[in-house]
Amino acid sequence: QVQLVESGGGLVQAGGSLRLSCAYSVHTFNSLAMGWFRQAPGKEREFVAAIRWNGGSTHYTDSVKGRFTISRDGAKKTVHLQMNSLKPEDSAGYYCAAGTGIILSEIRSKLSYNYWGQGTQVTVSS
């Protein structure tokens, strides 16, 4: 059974940092990709970042480039999202996702991912 469990959310002041973690049970093989999405109240779930097991390439939405970093720890079966210089507009529920066989052009689409965690809330105060 595939499980994704997020942790690390919380309340932080603007300019601060948080590190989200996603503990996964999904079998890792070359075609796997894992991503982070976020959803604010009344808005669509949007792509934040992703990492591909084949080659380890990382991908980010423009609004977080230079501030967020996605990484993986194979030994601990965890994917992290380090978030620095947080802004109030980063406030949202953050969701970990996993998918297989995702082509590069579709890595930012939530429809490409088969498995989802329950989410962790991030709130950035101004």
PDB file of N, CA and C in Angstrom:
ATOM      1  N   GLN A   1       0.845  -1.194   0.000  1.00  0.00           N
ATOM      2  CA  GLN A   1       0.000   0.000   0.000  1.00  0.00           C
ATOM      3  C   GLN A   1       0.877   1.239   0.000  1.00  0.00           C
ATOM      4  N   VAL A   2       0.583   2.136  -0.919  1.00  0.00           N
ATOM      5  CA  VAL A   2       1.374   3.362  -1.024  1.00  0.00           C
ATOM      6  C   VAL A   2       0.909   4.359   0.023  1.00  0.00           C
ATOM      7  N   GLN A   3       1.859   4.916   0.726  1.00  0.00           N
ATOM      8  CA  GLN A   3       1.546   5.959   1.689  1.00  0.00           C
ATOM      9  C   GLN A   3       2.511   7.121   1.557  1.00  0.00           C
ATOM     10  N   LEU A   4       1.964   8.302   1.629  1.00  0.00           N
ATOM     11  CA  LEU A   4       2.756   9.528   1.654  1.00  0.00           C
ATOM     12  C   LEU A   4       2.301  10.317   2.872  1.00  0.00           C
ATOM     13  N   VAL A   5       3.220  10.663   3.737  1.00  0.00           N
ATOM     14  CA  VAL A   5       2.873  11.362   4.973  1.00  0.00           C
ATOM     15  C   VAL A   5       3.722  12.618   5.093  1.00  0.00           C
ATOM     16  N   GLU A   6       3.052  13.769   5.049  1.00  0.00           N
ATOM     17  CA  GLU A   6       3.749  15.048   5.143  1.00  0.00           C
ATOM     18  C   GLU A   6       3.878  15.495   6.603  1.00  0.00           C
ATOM     19  N   SER A   7       4.906  16.295   6.840  1.00  0.00           N
ATOM     20  CA  SER A   7       5.099  16.919   8.146  1.00  0.00           C
ATOM     21  C   SER A   7       5.926  18.180   7.968  1.00  0.00           C
ATOM     22  N   GLY A   8       5.952  19.007   9.010  1.00  0.00           N
ATOM     23  CA  GLY A   8       6.824  20.172   8.996  1.00  0.00           C
ATOM     24  C   GLY A   8       6.134  21.501   8.779  1.00  0.00           C
ATOM     25  N   GLY A   9       4.830  21.480   8.531  1.00  0.00           N
ATOM     26  CA  GLY A   9       4.133  22.746   8.348  1.00  0.00           C
ATOM     27  C   GLY A   9       4.009  23.501   9.652  1.00  0.00           C
ATOM     28  N   GLY A  10       3.541  24.737   9.544  1.00  0.00           N
ATOM     29  CA  GLY A  10       3.363  25.544  10.747  1.00  0.00           C
ATOM     30  C   GLY A  10       3.160  27.000  10.416  1.00  0.00           C
ATOM     31  N   LEU A  11       3.271  27.823  11.453  1.00  0.00           N
ATOM     32  CA  LEU A  11       3.113  29.268  11.326  1.00  0.00           C
ATOM     33  C   LEU A  11       4.494  29.918  11.404  1.00  0.00           C
ATOM     34  N   VAL A  12       4.775  30.798  10.455  1.00  0.00           N
ATOM     35  CA  VAL A  12       6.079  31.458  10.416  1.00  0.00           C
ATOM     36  C   VAL A  12       5.880  32.895   9.939  1.00  0.00           C
ATOM     37  N   GLN A  13       6.761  33.786  10.369  1.00  0.00           N
ATOM     38  CA  GLN A  13       6.695  35.171   9.901  1.00  0.00           C
ATOM     39  C   GLN A  13       7.287  35.295   8.509  1.00  0.00           C
ATOM     40  N   ALA A  14       6.844  36.297   7.793  1.00  0.00           N
ATOM     41  CA  ALA A  14       7.393  36.570   6.467  1.00  0.00           C
ATOM     42  C   ALA A  14       8.910  36.706   6.555  1.00  0.00           C
ATOM     43  N   GLY A  15       9.606  36.095   5.596  1.00  0.00           N
ATOM     44  CA  GLY A  15      11.056  36.081   5.601  1.00  0.00           C
ATOM     45  C   GLY A  15      11.655  34.876   6.286  1.00  0.00           C
ATOM     46  N   GLY A  16      10.827  34.129   6.985  1.00  0.00           N
ATOM     47  CA  GLY A  16      11.297  32.959   7.707  1.00  0.00           C
ATOM     48  C   GLY A  16      11.399  31.719   6.821  1.00  0.00           C
ATOM     49  N   SER A  17      11.714  30.596   7.458  1.00  0.00           N
ATOM     50  CA  SER A  17      11.928  29.341   6.731  1.00  0.00           C
ATOM     51  C   SER A  17      11.154  28.197   7.380  1.00  0.00           C
ATOM     52  N   LEU A  18      10.805  27.235   6.563  1.00  0.00           N
ATOM     53  CA  LEU A  18      10.232  25.977   7.021  1.00  0.00           C
ATOM     54  C   LEU A  18      10.777  24.856   6.152  1.00  0.00           C
ATOM     55  N   ARG A  19      10.833  23.669   6.723  1.00  0.00           N
ATOM     56  CA  ARG A  19      11.252  22.501   5.956  1.00  0.00           C
ATOM     57  C   ARG A  19      10.154  21.453   6.034  1.00  0.00           C
ATOM     58  N   LEU A  20       9.548  21.177   4.899  1.00  0.00           N
ATOM     59  CA  LEU A  20       8.534  20.144   4.830  1.00  0.00           C
ATOM     60  C   LEU A  20       9.173  18.803   4.503  1.00  0.00           C
ATOM     61  N   SER A  21       8.597  17.751   5.049  1.00  0.00           N
ATOM     62  CA  SER A  21       9.088  16.406   4.767  1.00  0.00           C
ATOM     63  C   SER A  21       7.936  15.520   4.321  1.00  0.00           C
ATOM     64  N   CYS A  22       8.237  14.597   3.438  1.00  0.00           N
ATOM     65  CA  CYS A  22       7.249  13.625   2.966  1.00  0.00           C
ATOM     66  C   CYS A  22       7.873  12.238   3.083  1.00  0.00           C
ATOM     67  N   ALA A  23       7.371  11.477   4.028  1.00  0.00           N
ATOM     68  CA  ALA A  23       7.825  10.096   4.184  1.00  0.00           C
ATOM     69  C   ALA A  23       7.003   9.219   3.247  1.00  0.00           C
ATOM     70  N   TYR A  24       7.679   8.443   2.420  1.00  0.00           N
ATOM     71  CA  TYR A  24       6.970   7.675   1.401  1.00  0.00           C
ATOM     72  C   TYR A  24       7.223   6.190   1.547  1.00  0.00           C
ATOM     73  N   SER A  25       6.222   5.422   1.117  1.00  0.00           N
ATOM     74  CA  SER A  25       6.364   3.976   1.116  1.00  0.00           C
ATOM     75  C   SER A  25       6.347   3.439  -0.310  1.00  0.00           C
ATOM     76  N   VAL A  26       6.171   4.349  -1.282  1.00  0.00           N
ATOM     77  CA  VAL A  26       6.087   3.910  -2.675  1.00  0.00           C
ATOM     78  C   VAL A  26       7.423   3.347  -3.119  1.00  0.00           C
ATOM     79  N   HIS A  27       7.359   2.302  -3.937  1.00  0.00           N
ATOM     80  CA  HIS A  27       8.588   1.702  -4.437  1.00  0.00           C
ATOM     81  C   HIS A  27       9.275   2.670  -5.376  1.00  0.00           C
ATOM     82  N   THR A  28      10.554   2.869  -5.184  1.00  0.00           N
ATOM     83  CA  THR A  28      11.284   3.826  -6.009  1.00  0.00           C
ATOM     84  C   THR A  28      11.990   3.104  -7.143  1.00  0.00           C
ATOM     85  N   PHE A  29      11.732   3.553  -8.334  1.00  0.00           N
ATOM     86  CA  PHE A  29      12.451   3.066  -9.483  1.00  0.00           C
ATOM     87  C   PHE A  29      12.572   4.227 -10.464  1.00  0.00           C
ATOM     88  N   ASN A  30      13.281   4.010 -11.541  1.00  0.00           N
ATOM     89  CA  ASN A  30      13.712   5.119 -12.371  1.00  0.00           C
ATOM     90  C   ASN A  30      12.594   6.000 -12.901  1.00  0.00           C
ATOM     91  N   SER A  31      11.416   5.441 -13.112  1.00  0.00           N
ATOM     92  CA  SER A  31      10.358   6.253 -13.711  1.00  0.00           C
ATOM     93  C   SER A  31       9.560   7.057 -12.685  1.00  0.00           C
ATOM     94  N   LEU A  32       9.981   7.009 -11.424  1.00  0.00           N
ATOM     95  CA  LEU A  32       9.234   7.710 -10.373  1.00  0.00           C
ATOM     96  C   LEU A  32       9.554   9.198 -10.362  1.00  0.00           C
ATOM     97  N   ALA A  33       8.552   9.986 -10.099  1.00  0.00           N
ATOM     98  CA  ALA A  33       8.723  11.409  -9.813  1.00  0.00           C
ATOM     99  C   ALA A  33       7.886  11.739  -8.584  1.00  0.00           C
ATOM    100  N   MET A  34       8.416  12.628  -7.762  1.00  0.00           N
ATOM    101  CA  MET A  34       7.661  13.082  -6.596  1.00  0.00           C
ATOM    102  C   MET A  34       7.616  14.593  -6.601  1.00  0.00           C
ATOM    103  N   GLY A  35       6.490  15.099  -6.170  1.00  0.00           N
ATOM    104  CA  GLY A  35       6.308  16.536  -6.237  1.00  0.00           C
ATOM    105  C   GLY A  35       5.611  17.109  -5.018  1.00  0.00           C
ATOM    106  N   TRP A  36       5.655  18.411  -4.926  1.00  0.00           N
ATOM    107  CA  TRP A  36       4.906  19.170  -3.930  1.00  0.00           C
ATOM    108  C   TRP A  36       3.949  20.101  -4.656  1.00  0.00           C
ATOM    109  N   PHE A  37       2.720  20.091  -4.185  1.00  0.00           N
ATOM    110  CA  PHE A  37       1.696  20.996  -4.679  1.00  0.00           C
ATOM    111  C   PHE A  37       1.148  21.771  -3.492  1.00  0.00           C
ATOM    112  N   ARG A  38       0.473  22.869  -3.767  1.00  0.00           N
ATOM    113  CA  ARG A  38      -0.154  23.620  -2.682  1.00  0.00           C
ATOM    114  C   ARG A  38      -1.514  24.119  -3.112  1.00  0.00           C
ATOM    115  N   GLN A  39      -2.359  24.318  -2.116  1.00  0.00           N
ATOM    116  CA  GLN A  39      -3.713  24.768  -2.399  1.00  0.00           C
ATOM    117  C   GLN A  39      -4.154  25.727  -1.307  1.00  0.00           C
ATOM    118  N   ALA A  40      -4.452  26.943  -1.718  1.00  0.00           N
ATOM    119  CA  ALA A  40      -4.981  27.948  -0.801  1.00  0.00           C
ATOM    120  C   ALA A  40      -6.512  27.910  -0.868  1.00  0.00           C
ATOM    121  N   PRO A  41      -7.192  28.403   0.156  1.00  0.00           N
ATOM    122  CA  PRO A  41      -8.660  28.376   0.165  1.00  0.00           C
ATOM    123  C   PRO A  41      -9.236  29.066  -1.068  1.00  0.00           C
ATOM    124  N   GLY A  42     -10.160  28.398  -1.736  1.00  0.00           N
ATOM    125  CA  GLY A  42     -10.822  28.962  -2.897  1.00  0.00           C
ATOM    126  C   GLY A  42     -10.016  28.945  -4.180  1.00  0.00           C
ATOM    127  N   LYS A  43      -8.841  28.315  -4.126  1.00  0.00           N
ATOM    128  CA  LYS A  43      -7.982  28.288  -5.312  1.00  0.00           C
ATOM    129  C   LYS A  43      -7.721  26.851  -5.747  1.00  0.00           C
ATOM    130  N   GLU A  44      -7.259  26.730  -6.992  1.00  0.00           N
ATOM    131  CA  GLU A  44      -6.899  25.424  -7.515  1.00  0.00           C
ATOM    132  C   GLU A  44      -5.591  24.936  -6.876  1.00  0.00           C
ATOM    133  N   ARG A  45      -5.435  23.625  -6.825  1.00  0.00           N
ATOM    134  CA  ARG A  45      -4.172  23.065  -6.366  1.00  0.00           C
ATOM    135  C   ARG A  45      -3.118  23.338  -7.443  1.00  0.00           C
ATOM    136  N   GLU A  46      -1.993  23.888  -7.026  1.00  0.00           N
ATOM    137  CA  GLU A  46      -0.980  24.286  -7.991  1.00  0.00           C
ATOM    138  C   GLU A  46       0.364  23.620  -7.713  1.00  0.00           C
ATOM    139  N   PHE A  47       1.115  23.451  -8.788  1.00  0.00           N
ATOM    140  CA  PHE A  47       2.435  22.835  -8.717  1.00  0.00           C
ATOM    141  C   PHE A  47       3.414  23.767  -8.001  1.00  0.00           C
ATOM    142  N   VAL A  48       4.276  23.168  -7.176  1.00  0.00           N
ATOM    143  CA  VAL A  48       5.337  23.925  -6.508  1.00  0.00           C
ATOM    144  C   VAL A  48       6.711  23.434  -6.959  1.00  0.00           C
ATOM    145  N   ALA A  49       6.962  22.144  -6.820  1.00  0.00           N
ATOM    146  CA  ALA A  49       8.281  21.603  -7.146  1.00  0.00           C
ATOM    147  C   ALA A  49       8.171  20.104  -7.364  1.00  0.00           C
ATOM    148  N   ALA A  50       9.140  19.546  -8.104  1.00  0.00           N
ATOM    149  CA  ALA A  50       9.168  18.107  -8.337  1.00  0.00           C
ATOM    150  C   ALA A  50      10.596  17.647  -8.519  1.00  0.00           C
ATOM    151  N   ILE A  51      10.807  16.353  -8.260  1.00  0.00           N
ATOM    152  CA  ILE A  51      12.116  15.740  -8.461  1.00  0.00           C
ATOM    153  C   ILE A  51      11.907  14.390  -9.138  1.00  0.00           C
ATOM    154  N   ARG A  52      12.738  14.097 -10.112  1.00  0.00           N
ATOM    155  CA  ARG A  52      12.651  12.845 -10.838  1.00  0.00           C
ATOM    156  C   ARG A  52      13.742  11.895 -10.364  1.00  0.00           C
ATOM    157  N   TRP A  53      13.362  10.641 -10.167  1.00  0.00           N
ATOM    158  CA  TRP A  53      14.358   9.659  -9.715  1.00  0.00           C
ATOM    159  C   TRP A  53      15.395   9.391 -10.808  1.00  0.00           C
ATOM    160  N   ASN A  54      14.984   9.407 -12.042  1.00  0.00           N
ATOM    161  CA  ASN A  54      15.898   9.160 -13.155  1.00  0.00           C
ATOM    162  C   ASN A  54      16.701  10.425 -13.429  1.00  0.00           C
ATOM    163  N   GLY A  55      17.897  10.481 -12.900  1.00  0.00           N
ATOM    164  CA  GLY A  55      18.760  11.646 -13.108  1.00  0.00           C
ATOM    165  C   GLY A  55      18.681  12.683 -12.012  1.00  0.00           C
ATOM    166  N   GLY A  56      17.631  12.643 -11.216  1.00  0.00           N
ATOM    167  CA  GLY A  56      17.535  13.562 -10.092  1.00  0.00           C
ATOM    168  C   GLY A  56      17.221  15.003 -10.457  1.00  0.00           C
ATOM    169  N   SER A  57      16.698  15.240 -11.651  1.00  0.00           N
ATOM    170  CA  SER A  57      16.407  16.628 -12.048  1.00  0.00           C
ATOM    171  C   SER A  57      15.313  17.208 -11.163  1.00  0.00           C
ATOM    172  N   THR A  58      15.412  18.498 -10.931  1.00  0.00           N
ATOM    173  CA  THR A  58      14.419  19.202 -10.119  1.00  0.00           C
ATOM    174  C   THR A  58      13.720  20.273 -10.957  1.00  0.00           C
ATOM    175  N   HIS A  59      12.494  20.574 -10.568  1.00  0.00           N
ATOM    176  CA  HIS A  59      11.669  21.493 -11.342  1.00  0.00           C
ATOM    177  C   HIS A  59      10.856  22.339 -10.369  1.00  0.00           C
ATOM    178  N   TYR A  60      10.717  23.616 -10.679  1.00  0.00           N
ATOM    179  CA  TYR A  60      10.043  24.541  -9.772  1.00  0.00           C
ATOM    180  C   TYR A  60       9.098  25.457 -10.538  1.00  0.00           C
ATOM    181  N   THR A  61       8.056  25.874  -9.856  1.00  0.00           N
ATOM    182  CA  THR A  61       7.250  26.939 -10.422  1.00  0.00           C
ATOM    183  C   THR A  61       8.016  28.247 -10.257  1.00  0.00           C
ATOM    184  N   ASP A  62       7.782  29.181 -11.143  1.00  0.00           N
ATOM    185  CA  ASP A  62       8.591  30.403 -11.174  1.00  0.00           C
ATOM    186  C   ASP A  62       8.566  31.176  -9.858  1.00  0.00           C
ATOM    187  N   SER A  63       7.434  31.181  -9.184  1.00  0.00           N
ATOM    188  CA  SER A  63       7.296  32.016  -7.992  1.00  0.00           C
ATOM    189  C   SER A  63       8.132  31.537  -6.807  1.00  0.00           C
ATOM    190  N   VAL A  64       8.659  30.310  -6.868  1.00  0.00           N
ATOM    191  CA  VAL A  64       9.454  29.806  -5.743  1.00  0.00           C
ATOM    192  C   VAL A  64      10.913  29.581  -6.119  1.00  0.00           C
ATOM    193  N   LYS A  65      11.265  29.771  -7.357  1.00  0.00           N
ATOM    194  CA  LYS A  65      12.647  29.561  -7.781  1.00  0.00           C
ATOM    195  C   LYS A  65      13.593  30.463  -6.992  1.00  0.00           C
ATOM    196  N   GLY A  66      14.680  29.881  -6.502  1.00  0.00           N
ATOM    197  CA  GLY A  66      15.632  30.633  -5.708  1.00  0.00           C
ATOM    198  C   GLY A  66      15.288  30.692  -4.236  1.00  0.00           C
ATOM    199  N   ARG A  67      14.086  30.290  -3.876  1.00  0.00           N
ATOM    200  CA  ARG A  67      13.657  30.309  -2.467  1.00  0.00           C
ATOM    201  C   ARG A  67      13.398  28.900  -1.926  1.00  0.00           C
ATOM    202  N   PHE A  68      12.871  28.024  -2.756  1.00  0.00           N
ATOM    203  CA  PHE A  68      12.531  26.674  -2.332  1.00  0.00           C
ATOM    204  C   PHE A  68      13.499  25.680  -2.957  1.00  0.00           C
ATOM    205  N   THR A  69      13.765  24.586  -2.226  1.00  0.00           N
ATOM    206  CA  THR A  69      14.616  23.520  -2.746  1.00  0.00           C
ATOM    207  C   THR A  69      13.988  22.170  -2.418  1.00  0.00           C
ATOM    208  N   ILE A  70      13.812  21.346  -3.443  1.00  0.00           N
ATOM    209  CA  ILE A  70      13.309  19.990  -3.233  1.00  0.00           C
ATOM    210  C   ILE A  70      14.494  19.038  -3.249  1.00  0.00           C
ATOM    211  N   SER A  71      14.465  18.053  -2.356  1.00  0.00           N
ATOM    212  CA  SER A  71      15.550  17.081  -2.292  1.00  0.00           C
ATOM    213  C   SER A  71      14.998  15.745  -1.802  1.00  0.00           C
ATOM    214  N   ARG A  72      15.806  14.721  -1.955  1.00  0.00           N
ATOM    215  CA  ARG A  72      15.377  13.399  -1.528  1.00  0.00           C
ATOM    216  C   ARG A  72      16.453  12.748  -0.659  1.00  0.00           C
ATOM    217  N   ASP A  73      16.011  11.932   0.263  1.00  0.00           N
ATOM    218  CA  ASP A  73      16.901  11.146   1.106  1.00  0.00           C
ATOM    219  C   ASP A  73      16.454   9.695   0.958  1.00  0.00           C
ATOM    220  N   GLY A  74      17.161   8.960   0.088  1.00  0.00           N
ATOM    221  CA  GLY A  74      16.765   7.587  -0.190  1.00  0.00           C
ATOM    222  C   GLY A  74      16.863   6.687   1.016  1.00  0.00           C
ATOM    223  N   ALA A  75      17.879   6.896   1.831  1.00  0.00           N
ATOM    224  CA  ALA A  75      18.071   6.042   2.998  1.00  0.00           C
ATOM    225  C   ALA A  75      16.913   6.172   3.981  1.00  0.00           C
ATOM    226  N   LYS A  76      16.394   7.394   4.123  1.00  0.00           N
ATOM    227  CA  LYS A  76      15.286   7.636   5.052  1.00  0.00           C
ATOM    228  C   LYS A  76      13.943   7.637   4.345  1.00  0.00           C
ATOM    229  N   LYS A  77      13.955   7.410   3.035  1.00  0.00           N
ATOM    230  CA  LYS A  77      12.724   7.376   2.237  1.00  0.00           C
ATOM    231  C   LYS A  77      11.885   8.622   2.508  1.00  0.00           C
ATOM    232  N   THR A  78      12.532   9.749   2.310  1.00  0.00           N
ATOM    233  CA  THR A  78      11.895  11.037   2.574  1.00  0.00           C
ATOM    234  C   THR A  78      12.242  12.019   1.478  1.00  0.00           C
ATOM    235  N   VAL A  79      11.267  12.821   1.101  1.00  0.00           N
ATOM    236  CA  VAL A  79      11.491  13.944   0.205  1.00  0.00           C
ATOM    237  C   VAL A  79      11.245  15.216   1.001  1.00  0.00           C
ATOM    238  N   HIS A  80      12.141  16.170   0.848  1.00  0.00           N
ATOM    239  CA  HIS A  80      12.047  17.414   1.600  1.00  0.00           C
ATOM    240  C   HIS A  80      11.747  18.584   0.679  1.00  0.00           C
ATOM    241  N   LEU A  81      11.110  19.595   1.246  1.00  0.00           N
ATOM    242  CA  LEU A  81      10.950  20.875   0.569  1.00  0.00           C
ATOM    243  C   LEU A  81      11.421  21.951   1.536  1.00  0.00           C
ATOM    244  N   GLN A  82      12.615  22.475   1.280  1.00  0.00           N
ATOM    245  CA  GLN A  82      13.155  23.559   2.088  1.00  0.00           C
ATOM    246  C   GLN A  82      12.621  24.870   1.547  1.00  0.00           C
ATOM    247  N   MET A  83      11.947  25.612   2.398  1.00  0.00           N
ATOM    248  CA  MET A  83      11.309  26.858   1.964  1.00  0.00           C
ATOM    249  C   MET A  83      11.923  28.021   2.726  1.00  0.00           C
ATOM    250  N   ASN A  84      12.597  28.898   2.012  1.00  0.00           N
ATOM    251  CA  ASN A  84      13.239  30.078   2.599  1.00  0.00           C
ATOM    252  C   ASN A  84      12.565  31.347   2.094  1.00  0.00           C
ATOM    253  N   SER A  85      12.830  32.436   2.778  1.00  0.00           N
ATOM    254  CA  SER A  85      12.285  33.744   2.391  1.00  0.00           C
ATOM    255  C   SER A  85      10.783  33.651   2.125  1.00  0.00           C
ATOM    256  N   LEU A  86      10.078  33.059   3.037  1.00  0.00           N
ATOM    257  CA  LEU A  86       8.650  32.827   2.850  1.00  0.00           C
ATOM    258  C   LEU A  86       7.876  34.126   2.804  1.00  0.00           C
ATOM    259  N   LYS A  87       6.825  34.112   2.010  1.00  0.00           N
ATOM    260  CA  LYS A  87       5.958  35.265   1.818  1.00  0.00           C
ATOM    261  C   LYS A  87       4.531  34.892   2.213  1.00  0.00           C
ATOM    262  N   PRO A  88       3.719  35.865   2.560  1.00  0.00           N
ATOM    263  CA  PRO A  88       2.316  35.548   2.904  1.00  0.00           C
ATOM    264  C   PRO A  88       1.591  34.791   1.797  1.00  0.00           C
ATOM    265  N   GLU A  89       1.942  35.059   0.551  1.00  0.00           N
ATOM    266  CA  GLU A  89       1.279  34.373  -0.559  1.00  0.00           C
ATOM    267  C   GLU A  89       1.691  32.911  -0.692  1.00  0.00           C
ATOM    268  N   ASP A  90       2.674  32.475   0.097  1.00  0.00           N
ATOM    269  CA  ASP A  90       3.034  31.060   0.140  1.00  0.00           C
ATOM    270  C   ASP A  90       2.112  30.265   1.065  1.00  0.00           C
ATOM    271  N   SER A  91       1.274  30.947   1.810  1.00  0.00           N
ATOM    272  CA  SER A  91       0.367  30.277   2.743  1.00  0.00           C
ATOM    273  C   SER A  91      -0.596  29.377   1.982  1.00  0.00           C
ATOM    274  N   ALA A  92      -0.666  28.119   2.398  1.00  0.00           N
ATOM    275  CA  ALA A  92      -1.522  27.144   1.723  1.00  0.00           C
ATOM    276  C   ALA A  92      -1.375  25.791   2.414  1.00  0.00           C
ATOM    277  N   GLY A  93      -2.213  24.854   2.039  1.00  0.00           N
ATOM    278  CA  GLY A  93      -1.988  23.459   2.381  1.00  0.00           C
ATOM    279  C   GLY A  93      -1.007  22.891   1.365  1.00  0.00           C
ATOM    280  N   TYR A  94       0.015  22.226   1.840  1.00  0.00           N
ATOM    281  CA  TYR A  94       1.044  21.665   0.957  1.00  0.00           C
ATOM    282  C   TYR A  94       0.893  20.155   0.916  1.00  0.00           C
ATOM    283  N   TYR A  95       0.895  19.619  -0.303  1.00  0.00           N
ATOM    284  CA  TYR A  95       0.635  18.211  -0.519  1.00  0.00           C
ATOM    285  C   TYR A  95       1.795  17.551  -1.249  1.00  0.00           C
ATOM    286  N   CYS A  96       2.187  16.400  -0.766  1.00  0.00           N
ATOM    287  CA  CYS A  96       3.195  15.570  -1.417  1.00  0.00           C
ATOM    288  C   CYS A  96       2.490  14.633  -2.388  1.00  0.00           C
ATOM    289  N   ALA A  97       3.105  14.395  -3.541  1.00  0.00           N
ATOM    290  CA  ALA A  97       2.509  13.528  -4.542  1.00  0.00           C
ATOM    291  C   ALA A  97       3.578  12.666  -5.194  1.00  0.00           C
ATOM    292  N   ALA A  98       3.156  11.513  -5.699  1.00  0.00           N
ATOM    293  CA  ALA A  98       4.076  10.607  -6.392  1.00  0.00           C
ATOM    294  C   ALA A  98       3.405  10.065  -7.640  1.00  0.00           C
ATOM    295  N   GLY A  99       4.200   9.855  -8.666  1.00  0.00           N
ATOM    296  CA  GLY A  99       3.677   9.308  -9.902  1.00  0.00           C
ATOM    297  C   GLY A  99       4.752   8.573 -10.663  1.00  0.00           C
ATOM    298  N   THR A 100       4.354   7.721 -11.566  1.00  0.00           N
ATOM    299  CA  THR A 100       5.304   6.969 -12.373  1.00  0.00           C
ATOM    300  C   THR A 100       5.094   7.248 -13.849  1.00  0.00           C
ATOM    301  N   GLY A 101       6.164   7.159 -14.585  1.00  0.00           N
ATOM    302  CA  GLY A 101       6.072   7.331 -16.028  1.00  0.00           C
ATOM    303  C   GLY A 101       5.649   8.716 -16.469  1.00  0.00           C
ATOM    304  N   ILE A 102       5.935   9.715 -15.654  1.00  0.00           N
ATOM    305  CA  ILE A 102       5.537  11.088 -15.995  1.00  0.00           C
ATOM    306  C   ILE A 102       6.537  11.665 -16.989  1.00  0.00           C
ATOM    307  N   ILE A 103       6.033  12.110 -18.125  1.00  0.00           N
ATOM    308  CA  ILE A 103       6.932  12.733 -19.091  1.00  0.00           C
ATOM    309  C   ILE A 103       7.239  14.148 -18.618  1.00  0.00           C
ATOM    310  N   LEU A 104       8.381  14.651 -19.056  1.00  0.00           N
ATOM    311  CA  LEU A 104       8.876  15.921 -18.534  1.00  0.00           C
ATOM    312  C   LEU A 104       7.887  17.057 -18.742  1.00  0.00           C
ATOM    313  N   SER A 105       7.233  17.078 -19.874  1.00  0.00           N
ATOM    314  CA  SER A 105       6.307  18.174 -20.175  1.00  0.00           C
ATOM    315  C   SER A 105       5.061  18.156 -19.290  1.00  0.00           C
ATOM    316  N   GLU A 106       4.830  17.055 -18.601  1.00  0.00           N
ATOM    317  CA  GLU A 106       3.631  16.933 -17.766  1.00  0.00           C
ATOM    318  C   GLU A 106       3.961  16.913 -16.283  1.00  0.00           C
ATOM    319  N   ILE A 107       5.191  17.171 -15.921  1.00  0.00           N
ATOM    320  CA  ILE A 107       5.590  17.020 -14.524  1.00  0.00           C
ATOM    321  C   ILE A 107       4.935  18.065 -13.630  1.00  0.00           C
ATOM    322  N   ARG A 108       4.458  19.158 -14.191  1.00  0.00           N
ATOM    323  CA  ARG A 108       3.821  20.206 -13.393  1.00  0.00           C
ATOM    324  C   ARG A 108       2.309  20.016 -13.272  1.00  0.00           C
ATOM    325  N   SER A 109       1.780  19.004 -13.904  1.00  0.00           N
ATOM    326  CA  SER A 109       0.338  18.763 -13.885  1.00  0.00           C
ATOM    327  C   SER A 109      -0.043  17.825 -12.745  1.00  0.00           C
ATOM    328  N   LYS A 110      -1.008  18.247 -11.953  1.00  0.00           N
ATOM    329  CA  LYS A 110      -1.460  17.398 -10.848  1.00  0.00           C
ATOM    330  C   LYS A 110      -2.106  16.117 -11.363  1.00  0.00           C
ATOM    331  N   LEU A 111      -2.568  16.126 -12.593  1.00  0.00           N
ATOM    332  CA  LEU A 111      -3.195  14.937 -13.169  1.00  0.00           C
ATOM    333  C   LEU A 111      -2.182  13.826 -13.434  1.00  0.00           C
ATOM    334  N   SER A 112      -0.903  14.151 -13.418  1.00  0.00           N
ATOM    335  CA  SER A 112       0.137  13.166 -13.693  1.00  0.00           C
ATOM    336  C   SER A 112       0.468  12.298 -12.487  1.00  0.00           C
ATOM    337  N   TYR A 113      -0.007  12.681 -11.322  1.00  0.00           N
ATOM    338  CA  TYR A 113       0.398  12.025 -10.087  1.00  0.00           C
ATOM    339  C   TYR A 113      -0.707  11.096  -9.582  1.00  0.00           C
ATOM    340  N   ASN A 114      -0.288   9.875  -9.208  1.00  0.00           N
ATOM    341  CA  ASN A 114      -1.246   8.849  -8.811  1.00  0.00           C
ATOM    342  C   ASN A 114      -1.536   8.841  -7.313  1.00  0.00           C
ATOM    343  N   TYR A 115      -0.536   9.275  -6.532  1.00  0.00           N
ATOM    344  CA  TYR A 115      -0.646   9.115  -5.080  1.00  0.00           C
ATOM    345  C   TYR A 115      -0.457  10.470  -4.396  1.00  0.00           C
ATOM    346  N   TRP A 116      -1.233  10.686  -3.339  1.00  0.00           N
ATOM    347  CA  TRP A 116      -1.226  11.961  -2.635  1.00  0.00           C
ATOM    348  C   TRP A 116      -1.215  11.753  -1.123  1.00  0.00           C
ATOM    349  N   GLY A 117      -0.528  12.660  -0.451  1.00  0.00           N
ATOM    350  CA  GLY A 117      -0.599  12.691   0.998  1.00  0.00           C
ATOM    351  C   GLY A 117      -1.789  13.513   1.454  1.00  0.00           C
ATOM    352  N   GLN A 118      -1.945  13.609   2.773  1.00  0.00           N
ATOM    353  CA  GLN A 118      -3.074  14.328   3.360  1.00  0.00           C
ATOM    354  C   GLN A 118      -2.822  15.821   3.473  1.00  0.00           C
ATOM    355  N   GLY A 119      -1.592  16.225   3.362  1.00  0.00           N
ATOM    356  CA  GLY A 119      -1.281  17.646   3.383  1.00  0.00           C
ATOM    357  C   GLY A 119      -0.821  18.157   4.729  1.00  0.00           C
ATOM    358  N   THR A 120      -0.090  19.258   4.692  1.00  0.00           N
ATOM    359  CA  THR A 120       0.343  19.952   5.897  1.00  0.00           C
ATOM    360  C   THR A 120       0.181  21.444   5.658  1.00  0.00           C
ATOM    361  N   GLN A 121      -0.290  22.161   6.662  1.00  0.00           N
ATOM    362  CA  GLN A 121      -0.628  23.568   6.499  1.00  0.00           C
ATOM    363  C   GLN A 121       0.588  24.456   6.752  1.00  0.00           C
ATOM    364  N   VAL A 122       0.772  25.405   5.851  1.00  0.00           N
ATOM    365  CA  VAL A 122       1.812  26.425   6.011  1.00  0.00           C
ATOM    366  C   VAL A 122       1.128  27.784   6.042  1.00  0.00           C
ATOM    367  N   THR A 123       1.380  28.549   7.090  1.00  0.00           N
ATOM    368  CA  THR A 123       0.817  29.884   7.212  1.00  0.00           C
ATOM    369  C   THR A 123       1.946  30.875   7.443  1.00  0.00           C
ATOM    370  N   VAL A 124       2.021  31.881   6.584  1.00  0.00           N
ATOM    371  CA  VAL A 124       3.061  32.901   6.675  1.00  0.00           C
ATOM    372  C   VAL A 124       2.398  34.222   7.029  1.00  0.00           C
ATOM    373  N   SER A 125       2.774  34.773   8.177  1.00  0.00           N
ATOM    374  CA  SER A 125       2.185  36.037   8.628  1.00  0.00           C
ATOM    375  C   SER A 125       3.026  37.214   8.141  1.00  0.00           C
ATOM    376  N   SER A 126       2.352  38.314   7.863  1.00  0.00           N
ATOM    377  CA  SER A 126       3.057  39.502   7.368  1.00  0.00           C
ATOM    378  C   SER A 126       3.534  40.391   8.504  1.00  0.00           C
TER     379      SER A 126
END
